[in-house]
């Protein structure tokens, strides 16, 4: 897998875990077609980056949103998405 695909998967997993619902390791594994061990490695990477990852009593994982690292990351991702949308609009205008 190339670096771009890994980054894309990392971002998608981060967005999934930052949603309103938690997910079990096997659900994440199936959704991304990766091993359970790989899911745990991603979770550990997120923790090392300063995100707070919680596992509730039912075994569902999610990112704690009341954390400064999460807020900074969320703002950065939102900025990136907005920038991409602007670039796509500008590109479309130049194609016409």
PDB file of N, CA and C in Angstrom:
ATOM      1  N   UNK A   1       0.856  -1.179   0.000  1.00  0.00           N
ATOM      2  CA  UNK A   1       0.000   0.000   0.000  1.00  0.00           C
ATOM      3  C   UNK A   1       0.900   1.240   0.000  1.00  0.00           C
ATOM      4  N   UNK A   2       0.559   2.210  -0.840  1.00  0.00           N
ATOM      5  CA  UNK A   2       1.385   3.414  -0.913  1.00  0.00           C
ATOM      6  C   UNK A   2       1.053   4.373   0.227  1.00  0.00           C
ATOM      7  N   UNK A   3       1.916   5.374   0.398  1.00  0.00           N
ATOM      8  CA  UNK A   3       1.760   6.319   1.508  1.00  0.00           C
ATOM      9  C   UNK A   3       0.455   7.096   1.439  1.00  0.00           C
ATOM     10  N   UNK A   4       0.041   7.472   0.233  1.00  0.00           N
ATOM     11  CA  UNK A   4      -1.202   8.231   0.097  1.00  0.00           C
ATOM     12  C   UNK A   4      -2.396   7.411   0.579  1.00  0.00           C
ATOM     13  N   UNK A   5      -2.431   6.138   0.248  1.00  0.00           N
ATOM     14  CA  UNK A   5      -3.527   5.269   0.685  1.00  0.00           C
ATOM     15  C   UNK A   5      -3.524   5.099   2.204  1.00  0.00           C
ATOM     16  N   UNK A   6      -2.335   5.016   2.795  1.00  0.00           N
ATOM     17  CA  UNK A   6      -2.239   4.891   4.255  1.00  0.00           C
ATOM     18  C   UNK A   6      -2.744   6.150   4.945  1.00  0.00           C
ATOM     19  N   UNK A   7      -2.359   7.294   4.403  1.00  0.00           N
ATOM     20  CA  UNK A   7      -2.814   8.562   4.986  1.00  0.00           C
ATOM     21  C   UNK A   7      -4.327   8.682   4.859  1.00  0.00           C
ATOM     22  N   UNK A   8      -4.845   8.310   3.703  1.00  0.00           N
ATOM     23  CA  UNK A   8      -6.296   8.368   3.493  1.00  0.00           C
ATOM     24  C   UNK A   8      -7.023   7.461   4.483  1.00  0.00           C
ATOM     25  N   UNK A   9      -6.513   6.261   4.670  1.00  0.00           N
ATOM     26  CA  UNK A   9      -7.138   5.328   5.621  1.00  0.00           C
ATOM     27  C   UNK A   9      -7.062   5.884   7.039  1.00  0.00           C
ATOM     28  N   UNK A  10      -5.932   6.463   7.402  1.00  0.00           N
ATOM     29  CA  UNK A  10      -5.763   7.038   8.736  1.00  0.00           C
ATOM     30  C   UNK A  10      -6.790   8.132   8.987  1.00  0.00           C
ATOM     31  N   UNK A  11      -6.963   9.007   8.018  1.00  0.00           N
ATOM     32  CA  UNK A  11      -7.931  10.098   8.160  1.00  0.00           C
ATOM     33  C   UNK A  11      -9.355   9.555   8.243  1.00  0.00           C
ATOM     34  N   UNK A  12      -9.680   8.590   7.388  1.00  0.00           N
ATOM     35  CA  UNK A  12     -11.026   8.008   7.417  1.00  0.00           C
ATOM     36  C   UNK A  12     -11.311   7.329   8.751  1.00  0.00           C
ATOM     37  N   UNK A  13     -10.321   6.625   9.287  1.00  0.00           N
ATOM     38  CA  UNK A  13     -10.499   5.964  10.578  1.00  0.00           C
ATOM     39  C   UNK A  13     -10.657   7.000  11.685  1.00  0.00           C
ATOM     40  N   UNK A  14      -9.876   8.058  11.617  1.00  0.00           N
ATOM     41  CA  UNK A  14      -9.974   9.119  12.604  1.00  0.00           C
ATOM     42  C   UNK A  14     -11.360   9.765  12.561  1.00  0.00           C
ATOM     43  N   UNK A  15     -11.858  10.007  11.369  1.00  0.00           N
ATOM     44  CA  UNK A  15     -13.199  10.588  11.232  1.00  0.00           C
ATOM     45  C   UNK A  15     -14.268   9.629  11.746  1.00  0.00           C
ATOM     46  N   UNK A  16     -14.117   8.350  11.464  1.00  0.00           N
ATOM     47  CA  UNK A  16     -15.076   7.360  11.948  1.00  0.00           C
ATOM     48  C   UNK A  16     -15.121   7.361  13.473  1.00  0.00           C
ATOM     49  N   UNK A  17     -13.942   7.325  14.097  1.00  0.00           N
ATOM     50  CA  UNK A  17     -13.878   7.258  15.554  1.00  0.00           C
ATOM     51  C   UNK A  17     -14.255   8.569  16.233  1.00  0.00           C
ATOM     52  N   UNK A  18     -14.286   9.649  15.475  1.00  0.00           N
ATOM     53  CA  UNK A  18     -14.665  10.925  16.076  1.00  0.00           C
ATOM     54  C   UNK A  18     -16.152  11.209  15.921  1.00  0.00           C
ATOM     55  N   UNK A  19     -16.882  10.282  15.351  1.00  0.00           N
ATOM     56  CA  UNK A  19     -18.321  10.436  15.199  1.00  0.00           C
ATOM     57  C   UNK A  19     -19.051  10.268  16.514  1.00  0.00           C
ATOM     58  N   UNK A  20     -20.346  10.261  16.453  1.00  0.00           N
ATOM     59  CA  UNK A  20     -21.176  10.168  17.658  1.00  0.00           C
ATOM     60  C   UNK A  20     -21.193   8.773  18.274  1.00  0.00           C
ATOM     61  N   UNK A  21     -20.855   7.767  17.485  1.00  0.00           N
ATOM     62  CA  UNK A  21     -20.938   6.393  17.963  1.00  0.00           C
ATOM     63  C   UNK A  21     -19.558   5.765  18.039  1.00  0.00           C
ATOM     64  N   UNK A  22     -19.398   4.819  18.942  1.00  0.00           N
ATOM     65  CA  UNK A  22     -18.169   4.062  19.023  1.00  0.00           C
ATOM     66  C   UNK A  22     -18.270   2.820  18.141  1.00  0.00           C
ATOM     67  N   UNK A  23     -17.143   2.198  17.897  1.00  0.00           N
ATOM     68  CA  UNK A  23     -17.097   1.011  17.041  1.00  0.00           C
ATOM     69  C   UNK A  23     -16.237  -0.063  17.687  1.00  0.00           C
ATOM     70  N   UNK A  24     -16.658  -1.299  17.536  1.00  0.00           N
ATOM     71  CA  UNK A  24     -15.877  -2.429  18.021  1.00  0.00           C
ATOM     72  C   UNK A  24     -14.710  -2.666  17.063  1.00  0.00           C
ATOM     73  N   UNK A  25     -13.656  -3.261  17.580  1.00  0.00           N
ATOM     74  CA  UNK A  25     -12.465  -3.523  16.775  1.00  0.00           C
ATOM     75  C   UNK A  25     -12.812  -4.362  15.550  1.00  0.00           C
ATOM     76  N   UNK A  26     -13.646  -5.373  15.706  1.00  0.00           N
ATOM     77  CA  UNK A  26     -13.980  -6.224  14.551  1.00  0.00           C
ATOM     78  C   UNK A  26     -14.795  -5.465  13.501  1.00  0.00           C
ATOM     79  N   UNK A  27     -15.632  -4.516  13.929  1.00  0.00           N
ATOM     80  CA  UNK A  27     -16.374  -3.681  12.970  1.00  0.00           C
ATOM     81  C   UNK A  27     -15.408  -2.820  12.146  1.00  0.00           C
ATOM     82  N   UNK A  28     -14.460  -2.222  12.841  1.00  0.00           N
ATOM     83  CA  UNK A  28     -13.470  -1.380  12.160  1.00  0.00           C
ATOM     84  C   UNK A  28     -12.639  -2.220  11.209  1.00  0.00           C
ATOM     85  N   UNK A  29     -12.240  -3.377  11.681  1.00  0.00           N
ATOM     86  CA  UNK A  29     -11.423  -4.290  10.873  1.00  0.00           C
ATOM     87  C   UNK A  29     -12.130  -4.659   9.569  1.00  0.00           C
ATOM     88  N   UNK A  30     -13.393  -4.992   9.661  1.00  0.00           N
ATOM     89  CA  UNK A  30     -14.169  -5.357   8.466  1.00  0.00           C
ATOM     90  C   UNK A  30     -14.398  -4.161   7.552  1.00  0.00           C
ATOM     91  N   UNK A  31     -14.709  -3.017   8.146  1.00  0.00           N
ATOM     92  CA  UNK A  31     -15.008  -1.819   7.353  1.00  0.00           C
ATOM     93  C   UNK A  31     -13.803  -1.382   6.514  1.00  0.00           C
ATOM     94  N   UNK A  32     -12.603  -1.498   7.072  1.00  0.00           N
ATOM     95  CA  UNK A  32     -11.400  -1.050   6.379  1.00  0.00           C
ATOM     96  C   UNK A  32     -10.596  -2.196   5.767  1.00  0.00           C
ATOM     97  N   UNK A  33     -11.105  -3.415   5.920  1.00  0.00           N
ATOM     98  CA  UNK A  33     -10.438  -4.599   5.371  1.00  0.00           C
ATOM     99  C   UNK A  33      -8.989  -4.691   5.863  1.00  0.00           C
ATOM    100  N   UNK A  34      -8.850  -4.586   7.185  1.00  0.00           N
ATOM    101  CA  UNK A  34      -7.549  -4.698   7.832  1.00  0.00           C
ATOM    102  C   UNK A  34      -7.675  -5.642   9.020  1.00  0.00           C
ATOM    103  N   UNK A  35      -6.559  -6.094   9.535  1.00  0.00           N
ATOM    104  CA  UNK A  35      -6.587  -7.010  10.675  1.00  0.00           C
ATOM    105  C   UNK A  35      -6.910  -6.250  11.965  1.00  0.00           C
ATOM    106  N   UNK A  36      -7.357  -6.981  12.956  1.00  0.00           N
ATOM    107  CA  UNK A  36      -7.620  -6.382  14.270  1.00  0.00           C
ATOM    108  C   UNK A  36      -6.345  -5.783  14.834  1.00  0.00           C
ATOM    109  N   UNK A  37      -5.231  -6.469  14.632  1.00  0.00           N
ATOM    110  CA  UNK A  37      -3.942  -5.970  15.127  1.00  0.00           C
ATOM    111  C   UNK A  37      -3.615  -4.606  14.499  1.00  0.00           C
ATOM    112  N   UNK A  38      -3.906  -4.452  13.223  1.00  0.00           N
ATOM    113  CA  UNK A  38      -3.661  -3.177  12.552  1.00  0.00           C
ATOM    114  C   UNK A  38      -4.540  -2.080  13.139  1.00  0.00           C
ATOM    115  N   UNK A  39      -5.773  -2.400  13.473  1.00  0.00           N
ATOM    116  CA  UNK A  39      -6.663  -1.420  14.111  1.00  0.00           C
ATOM    117  C   UNK A  39      -6.049  -0.953  15.426  1.00  0.00           C
ATOM    118  N   UNK A  40      -5.550  -1.899  16.220  1.00  0.00           N
ATOM    119  CA  UNK A  40      -4.917  -1.535  17.489  1.00  0.00           C
ATOM    120  C   UNK A  40      -3.685  -0.654  17.262  1.00  0.00           C
ATOM    121  N   UNK A  41      -2.939  -0.914  16.191  1.00  0.00           N
ATOM    122  CA  UNK A  41      -1.774  -0.073  15.876  1.00  0.00           C
ATOM    123  C   UNK A  41      -2.211   1.355  15.543  1.00  0.00           C
ATOM    124  N   UNK A  42      -3.287   1.492  14.769  1.00  0.00           N
ATOM    125  CA  UNK A  42      -3.809   2.831  14.474  1.00  0.00           C
ATOM    126  C   UNK A  42      -4.235   3.541  15.760  1.00  0.00           C
ATOM    127  N   UNK A  43      -4.933   2.840  16.622  1.00  0.00           N
ATOM    128  CA  UNK A  43      -5.377   3.432  17.890  1.00  0.00           C
ATOM    129  C   UNK A  43      -4.172   3.887  18.706  1.00  0.00           C
ATOM    130  N   UNK A  44      -3.142   3.069  18.756  1.00  0.00           N
ATOM    131  CA  UNK A  44      -1.928   3.435  19.487  1.00  0.00           C
ATOM    132  C   UNK A  44      -1.261   4.663  18.865  1.00  0.00           C
ATOM    133  N   UNK A  45      -1.262   4.742  17.535  1.00  0.00           N
ATOM    134  CA  UNK A  45      -0.711   5.910  16.836  1.00  0.00           C
ATOM    135  C   UNK A  45      -1.489   7.169  17.200  1.00  0.00           C
ATOM    136  N   UNK A  46      -2.810   7.064  17.228  1.00  0.00           N
ATOM    137  CA  UNK A  46      -3.638   8.214  17.603  1.00  0.00           C
ATOM    138  C   UNK A  46      -3.336   8.651  19.038  1.00  0.00           C
ATOM    139  N   UNK A  47      -3.186   7.680  19.937  1.00  0.00           N
ATOM    140  CA  UNK A  47      -2.858   8.000  21.330  1.00  0.00           C
ATOM    141  C   UNK A  47      -1.500   8.691  21.418  1.00  0.00           C
ATOM    142  N   UNK A  48      -0.523   8.194  20.669  1.00  0.00           N
ATOM    143  CA  UNK A  48       0.814   8.794  20.677  1.00  0.00           C
ATOM    144  C   UNK A  48       0.800  10.210  20.120  1.00  0.00           C
ATOM    145  N   UNK A  49      -0.181  10.514  19.262  1.00  0.00           N
ATOM    146  CA  UNK A  49      -0.322  11.855  18.699  1.00  0.00           C
ATOM    147  C   UNK A  49      -1.045  12.796  19.665  1.00  0.00           C
ATOM    148  N   UNK A  50      -1.494  12.280  20.799  1.00  0.00           N
ATOM    149  CA  UNK A  50      -2.139  13.109  21.807  1.00  0.00           C
ATOM    150  C   UNK A  50      -3.646  13.019  21.847  1.00  0.00           C
ATOM    151  N   UNK A  51      -4.233  12.213  20.970  1.00  0.00           N
ATOM    152  CA  UNK A  51      -5.687  12.047  21.010  1.00  0.00           C
ATOM    153  C   UNK A  51      -6.065  11.113  22.153  1.00  0.00           C
ATOM    154  N   UNK A  52      -7.207  11.365  22.743  1.00  0.00           N
ATOM    155  CA  UNK A  52      -7.712  10.499  23.813  1.00  0.00           C
ATOM    156  C   UNK A  52      -8.704   9.541  23.181  1.00  0.00           C
ATOM    157  N   UNK A  53      -8.363   8.270  23.183  1.00  0.00           N
ATOM    158  CA  UNK A  53      -9.219   7.228  22.624  1.00  0.00           C
ATOM    159  C   UNK A  53      -9.833   6.465  23.794  1.00  0.00           C
ATOM    160  N   UNK A  54     -11.136   6.386  23.814  1.00  0.00           N
ATOM    161  CA  UNK A  54     -11.846   5.711  24.898  1.00  0.00           C
ATOM    162  C   UNK A  54     -12.460   4.410  24.413  1.00  0.00           C
ATOM    163  N   UNK A  55     -12.485   3.443  25.307  1.00  0.00           N
ATOM    164  CA  UNK A  55     -13.196   2.192  25.065  1.00  0.00           C
ATOM    165  C   UNK A  55     -14.242   2.086  26.167  1.00  0.00           C
ATOM    166  N   UNK A  56     -15.525   2.025  25.763  1.00  0.00           N
ATOM    167  CA  UNK A  56     -16.567   1.952  26.784  1.00  0.00           C
ATOM    168  C   UNK A  56     -16.734   0.523  27.287  1.00  0.00           C
ATOM    169  N   UNK A  57     -17.656   0.322  28.209  1.00  0.00           N
ATOM    170  CA  UNK A  57     -17.865  -0.999  28.814  1.00  0.00           C
ATOM    171  C   UNK A  57     -18.328  -2.055  27.822  1.00  0.00           C
ATOM    172  N   UNK A  58     -18.914  -1.624  26.706  1.00  0.00           N
ATOM    173  CA  UNK A  58     -19.395  -2.563  25.692  1.00  0.00           C
ATOM    174  C   UNK A  58     -18.319  -2.903  24.655  1.00  0.00           C
ATOM    175  N   UNK A  59     -17.126  -2.318  24.809  1.00  0.00           N
ATOM    176  CA  UNK A  59     -16.032  -2.608  23.898  1.00  0.00           C
ATOM    177  C   UNK A  59     -16.003  -1.740  22.653  1.00  0.00           C
ATOM    178  N   UNK A  60     -16.720  -0.627  22.680  1.00  0.00           N
ATOM    179  CA  UNK A  60     -16.741   0.287  21.539  1.00  0.00           C
ATOM    180  C   UNK A  60     -15.736   1.417  21.756  1.00  0.00           C
ATOM    181  N   UNK A  61     -14.949   1.687  20.720  1.00  0.00           N
ATOM    182  CA  UNK A  61     -13.902   2.693  20.771  1.00  0.00           C
ATOM    183  C   UNK A  61     -14.359   3.972  20.095  1.00  0.00           C
ATOM    184  N   UNK A  62     -13.897   5.121  20.628  1.00  0.00           N
ATOM    185  CA  UNK A  62     -14.145   6.395  19.976  1.00  0.00           C
ATOM    186  C   UNK A  62     -13.148   7.421  20.489  1.00  0.00           C
ATOM    187  N   UNK A  63     -13.003   8.502  19.739  1.00  0.00           N
ATOM    188  CA  UNK A  63     -12.115   9.588  20.124  1.00  0.00           C
ATOM    189  C   UNK A  63     -12.872  10.543  21.030  1.00  0.00           C
ATOM    190  N   UNK A  64     -12.263  10.874  22.159  1.00  0.00           N
ATOM    191  CA  UNK A  64     -12.839  11.843  23.079  1.00  0.00           C
ATOM    192  C   UNK A  64     -12.716  13.237  22.457  1.00  0.00           C
ATOM    193  N   UNK A  65     -13.831  13.924  22.340  1.00  0.00           N
ATOM    194  CA  UNK A  65     -13.851  15.219  21.653  1.00  0.00           C
ATOM    195  C   UNK A  65     -13.481  16.391  22.555  1.00  0.00           C
ATOM    196  N   UNK A  66     -13.540  16.206  23.858  1.00  0.00           N
ATOM    197  CA  UNK A  66     -13.217  17.294  24.796  1.00  0.00           C
ATOM    198  C   UNK A  66     -11.728  17.281  25.114  1.00  0.00           C
ATOM    199  N   UNK A  67     -10.936  17.423  24.062  1.00  0.00           N
ATOM    200  CA  UNK A  67      -9.490  17.340  24.179  1.00  0.00           C
ATOM    201  C   UNK A  67      -8.887  18.371  23.231  1.00  0.00           C
ATOM    202  N   UNK A  68      -7.891  19.103  23.683  1.00  0.00           N
ATOM    203  CA  UNK A  68      -7.313  20.168  22.853  1.00  0.00           C
ATOM    204  C   UNK A  68      -6.693  19.615  21.571  1.00  0.00           C
ATOM    205  N   UNK A  69      -6.070  18.449  21.627  1.00  0.00           N
ATOM    206  CA  UNK A  69      -5.476  17.851  20.431  1.00  0.00           C
ATOM    207  C   UNK A  69      -6.561  17.538  19.397  1.00  0.00           C
ATOM    208  N   UNK A  70      -7.693  17.025  19.863  1.00  0.00           N
ATOM    209  CA  UNK A  70      -8.790  16.719  18.947  1.00  0.00           C
ATOM    210  C   UNK A  70      -9.290  18.001  18.281  1.00  0.00           C
ATOM    211  N   UNK A  71      -9.461  19.042  19.067  1.00  0.00           N
ATOM    212  CA  UNK A  71      -9.982  20.293  18.524  1.00  0.00           C
ATOM    213  C   UNK A  71      -9.036  20.874  17.473  1.00  0.00           C
ATOM    214  N   UNK A  72      -7.729  20.829  17.738  1.00  0.00           N
ATOM    215  CA  UNK A  72      -6.753  21.318  16.767  1.00  0.00           C
ATOM    216  C   UNK A  72      -6.795  20.480  15.490  1.00  0.00           C
ATOM    217  N   UNK A  73      -6.853  19.164  15.658  1.00  0.00           N
ATOM    218  CA  UNK A  73      -6.901  18.269  14.508  1.00  0.00           C
ATOM    219  C   UNK A  73      -8.180  18.476  13.712  1.00  0.00           C
ATOM    220  N   UNK A  74      -9.294  18.618  14.390  1.00  0.00           N
ATOM    221  CA  UNK A  74     -10.581  18.845  13.731  1.00  0.00           C
ATOM    222  C   UNK A  74     -10.523  20.119  12.894  1.00  0.00           C
ATOM    223  N   UNK A  75      -9.993  21.187  13.478  1.00  0.00           N
ATOM    224  CA  UNK A  75      -9.885  22.452  12.746  1.00  0.00           C
ATOM    225  C   UNK A  75      -8.987  22.299  11.532  1.00  0.00           C
ATOM    226  N   UNK A  76      -7.887  21.589  11.689  1.00  0.00           N
ATOM    227  CA  UNK A  76      -6.958  21.375  10.582  1.00  0.00           C
ATOM    228  C   UNK A  76      -7.624  20.576   9.468  1.00  0.00           C
ATOM    229  N   UNK A  77      -8.338  19.509   9.816  1.00  0.00           N
ATOM    230  CA  UNK A  77      -9.021  18.699   8.810  1.00  0.00           C
ATOM    231  C   UNK A  77     -10.115  19.506   8.116  1.00  0.00           C
ATOM    232  N   UNK A  78     -10.861  20.299   8.871  1.00  0.00           N
ATOM    233  CA  UNK A  78     -11.908  21.132   8.283  1.00  0.00           C
ATOM    234  C   UNK A  78     -11.298  22.125   7.298  1.00  0.00           C
ATOM    235  N   UNK A  79     -10.165  22.723   7.674  1.00  0.00           N
ATOM    236  CA  UNK A  79      -9.489  23.655   6.786  1.00  0.00           C
ATOM    237  C   UNK A  79      -9.052  22.941   5.505  1.00  0.00           C
ATOM    238  N   UNK A  80      -8.515  21.725   5.662  1.00  0.00           N
ATOM    239  CA  UNK A  80      -8.079  20.949   4.505  1.00  0.00           C
ATOM    240  C   UNK A  80      -9.228  20.615   3.576  1.00  0.00           C
ATOM    241  N   UNK A  81     -10.352  20.225   4.124  1.00  0.00           N
ATOM    242  CA  UNK A  81     -11.525  19.886   3.321  1.00  0.00           C
ATOM    243  C   UNK A  81     -12.025  21.127   2.588  1.00  0.00           C
ATOM    244  N   UNK A  82     -12.086  22.241   3.282  1.00  0.00           N
ATOM    245  CA  UNK A  82     -12.550  23.487   2.656  1.00  0.00           C
ATOM    246  C   UNK A  82     -11.601  23.907   1.528  1.00  0.00           C
ATOM    247  N   UNK A  83     -10.302  23.758   1.747  1.00  0.00           N
ATOM    248  CA  UNK A  83      -9.314  24.110   0.721  1.00  0.00           C
ATOM    249  C   UNK A  83      -9.467  23.227  -0.510  1.00  0.00           C
ATOM    250  N   UNK A  84      -9.682  21.939  -0.279  1.00  0.00           N
ATOM    251  CA  UNK A  84      -9.873  21.017  -1.400  1.00  0.00           C
ATOM    252  C   UNK A  84     -11.116  21.375  -2.204  1.00  0.00           C
ATOM    253  N   UNK A  85     -12.195  21.712  -1.516  1.00  0.00           N
ATOM    254  CA  UNK A  85     -13.431  22.080  -2.205  1.00  0.00           C
ATOM    255  C   UNK A  85     -13.216  23.325  -3.055  1.00  0.00           C
ATOM    256  N   UNK A  86     -12.503  24.308  -2.513  1.00  0.00           N
ATOM    257  CA  UNK A  86     -12.221  25.531  -3.274  1.00  0.00           C
ATOM    258  C   UNK A  86     -11.384  25.217  -4.507  1.00  0.00           C
ATOM    259  N   UNK A  87     -10.379  24.347  -4.342  1.00  0.00           N
ATOM    260  CA  UNK A  87      -9.542  23.963  -5.479  1.00  0.00           C
ATOM    261  C   UNK A  87     -10.358  23.254  -6.551  1.00  0.00           C
ATOM    262  N   UNK A  88     -11.275  22.381  -6.130  1.00  0.00           N
ATOM    263  CA  UNK A  88     -12.116  21.667  -7.087  1.00  0.00           C
ATOM    264  C   UNK A  88     -13.005  22.641  -7.844  1.00  0.00           C
ATOM    265  N   UNK A  89     -13.557  23.620  -7.157  1.00  0.00           N
ATOM    266  CA  UNK A  89     -14.414  24.619  -7.805  1.00  0.00           C
ATOM    267  C   UNK A  89     -13.593  25.427  -8.806  1.00  0.00           C
ATOM    268  N   UNK A  90     -12.410  25.878  -8.404  1.00  0.00           N
ATOM    269  CA  UNK A  90     -11.553  26.647  -9.290  1.00  0.00           C
ATOM    270  C   UNK A  90     -11.127  25.825 -10.490  1.00  0.00           C
ATOM    271  N   UNK A  91     -10.822  24.550 -10.282  1.00  0.00           N
ATOM    272  CA  UNK A  91     -10.417  23.674 -11.362  1.00  0.00           C
ATOM    273  C   UNK A  91     -11.565  23.499 -12.353  1.00  0.00           C
ATOM    274  N   UNK A  92     -12.771  23.324 -11.824  1.00  0.00           N
ATOM    275  CA  UNK A  92     -13.950  23.159 -12.691  1.00  0.00           C
ATOM    276  C   UNK A  92     -14.197  24.394 -13.532  1.00  0.00           C
ATOM    277  N   UNK A  93     -14.015  25.559 -12.955  1.00  0.00           N
ATOM    278  CA  UNK A  93     -14.218  26.812 -13.703  1.00  0.00           C
ATOM    279  C   UNK A  93     -13.211  26.940 -14.843  1.00  0.00           C
ATOM    280  N   UNK A  94     -11.971  26.493 -14.610  1.00  0.00           N
ATOM    281  CA  UNK A  94     -10.941  26.596 -15.648  1.00  0.00           C
ATOM    282  C   UNK A  94     -11.168  25.580 -16.757  1.00  0.00           C
ATOM    283  N   UNK A  95     -11.886  24.517 -16.482  1.00  0.00           N
ATOM    284  CA  UNK A  95     -12.150  23.479 -17.481  1.00  0.00           C
ATOM    285  C   UNK A  95     -13.251  23.895 -18.463  1.00  0.00           C
ATOM    286  N   UNK A  96     -14.070  24.852 -18.059  1.00  0.00           N
ATOM    287  CA  UNK A  96     -15.220  25.248 -18.894  1.00  0.00           C
ATOM    288  C   UNK A  96     -14.807  26.071 -20.069  1.00  0.00           C
TER     289      UNK A  96
END
